[in-house]
Protein backbone atom coordinates (compact mmCIF):
# COMPACT_ATOMS: atom_id res chain seq x y z
CA ARG A 1 41.49 -1.09 48.13
CA ALA A 2 44.78 -0.38 48.86
CA ALA A 3 46.19 -0.60 52.28
CA LYS A 4 45.71 2.61 54.68
CA SER A 5 49.54 3.66 54.70
CA ALA A 6 49.84 3.43 50.85
CA ARG A 7 46.85 5.80 50.33
CA THR A 8 48.10 8.08 53.61
CA VAL A 9 50.42 11.47 52.78
CA VAL A 10 52.09 12.95 55.67
CA ILE A 11 51.56 16.97 55.42
CA ALA A 12 54.29 19.30 57.14
CA GLY A 13 54.03 22.52 57.94
CA VAL A 14 50.44 22.79 59.73
CA PRO A 15 50.46 26.10 61.41
CA ASP A 16 50.34 25.60 65.35
CA GLY A 17 48.70 26.94 67.76
CA LEU A 18 46.56 29.63 65.19
CA LEU A 19 42.92 27.55 65.04
CA HIS A 20 41.34 25.16 67.34
CA ASP A 21 42.37 21.82 65.94
CA ASP A 22 39.19 20.61 64.47
CA VAL A 23 38.72 23.68 62.48
CA MET A 24 42.40 23.26 61.43
CA THR A 25 41.69 19.66 60.48
CA ASP A 26 38.28 20.54 58.68
CA ILE A 27 40.82 23.00 56.63
CA LEU A 28 43.02 20.72 55.44
CA MET A 29 40.44 18.21 54.70
CA ILE A 30 38.86 20.99 52.13
CA HIS A 31 42.13 21.63 51.11
CA PHE A 32 42.71 17.92 49.73
CA GLN A 33 39.56 17.66 48.52
CA MET A 34 39.73 20.25 46.27
CA ALA A 35 40.60 19.60 42.11
CA LYS A 36 42.62 22.65 42.57
CA ASN A 37 45.41 20.70 44.77
CA ASN A 38 45.00 17.48 42.90
CA GLY A 39 42.88 16.49 45.54
CA GLY A 40 40.40 13.55 46.11
CA ASP A 41 38.05 12.27 48.33
CA VAL A 42 39.73 12.38 51.79
CA GLU A 43 39.12 9.15 54.73
CA GLU A 44 40.46 10.42 57.00
CA VAL A 45 42.94 13.78 58.62
CA THR A 46 44.55 12.50 61.74
CA TYR A 47 45.71 16.14 63.45
CA PRO A 48 47.32 16.85 65.76
CA THR A 49 49.74 14.15 65.79
CA MET A 50 52.77 13.92 68.10
CA LYS A 51 54.66 15.63 66.06
CA LYS A 52 54.50 19.44 65.86
CA GLY A 53 52.88 21.01 62.74
CA VAL A 54 52.39 17.51 61.07
CA ALA A 55 48.92 15.32 59.73
CA TYR A 56 48.73 13.00 58.46
CA VAL A 57 46.06 12.48 55.43
CA THR A 58 43.96 9.52 54.50
CA PHE A 59 42.85 9.53 50.98
CA GLU A 60 39.82 6.92 49.51
CA ASP A 61 41.88 6.18 46.28
CA GLN A 62 45.66 5.88 46.35
CA GLU A 63 45.52 7.47 42.38
CA VAL A 64 44.37 10.42 44.75
CA VAL A 65 47.67 9.95 46.62
CA GLU A 66 49.64 10.12 43.34
CA SER A 67 48.08 13.52 41.65
CA VAL A 68 48.44 15.00 45.49
CA LEU A 69 52.42 14.34 45.26
CA LYS A 70 52.91 15.23 41.98
CA LYS A 71 51.16 18.80 42.37
CA GLY A 72 54.53 21.24 43.09
CA GLU A 73 53.59 23.42 45.61
CA HIS A 74 50.28 22.71 48.28
CA ARG A 75 49.77 25.99 49.76
CA LEU A 76 46.89 26.36 52.68
CA GLU A 77 44.23 29.17 51.98
CA ASP A 78 41.35 29.62 54.22
CA LYS A 79 39.82 32.97 55.38
CA ARG A 80 40.05 32.15 58.74
CA LEU A 81 43.99 31.91 58.35
CA SER A 82 45.75 35.26 58.30
CA ARG A 83 47.85 34.28 55.32
CA CYS A 84 48.81 31.70 52.89
CA TYR A 85 51.08 28.30 54.06
CA PRO A 86 53.12 26.71 52.63
CA LEU A 87 52.69 22.84 53.28
CA LYS A 88 55.01 19.58 52.41
CA VAL A 89 53.47 16.74 51.29
CA THR A 90 55.44 13.28 51.19
CA ARG A 91 54.22 9.64 50.75
CA TYR A 92 53.46 7.83 54.47
CA CYS A 93 56.13 5.37 54.82
CA GLU A 94 55.76 3.34 58.27
CA ASN A 95 59.29 2.95 58.73
CA VAL A 96 60.35 6.62 58.27
CA SER A 97 57.84 7.85 60.39
CA SER A 98 58.92 5.16 63.13
CA PHE A 99 62.50 6.42 62.45
CA LEU A 100 61.71 9.95 62.72
CA ILE A 101 60.11 9.27 65.91
CA TYR A 102 63.12 7.71 66.79
CA LEU A 103 65.45 10.53 65.79
CA VAL A 104 63.25 12.51 67.60
CA ALA A 105 63.28 10.56 70.64
CA LEU A 106 67.25 10.57 71.21
CA PRO A 107 68.88 12.63 74.12
CA LEU A 108 71.05 15.29 72.75
């Protein structure tokens, strides 16, 4: 089994403040488990995170990460949402994450 970071993707564009965090976590989990989204078994969804509109999804198998990344467009759809929301899905990288946190923390 690959390291957790290798089985994790970063999701940007999560609609913020529309629904309770637990509900949004469930919607994200369902989305990334569906075959039509190239998904698979989800081990964990981390939402909310320190960065607004960002979630982390960890899959049980690293192969699922590859198939999710290959899907051109992820659209978050659920009857509890008023419309579809396009999501940006990228590979999790510890260095990138700490770099982004560093950039966000810089004073302007």
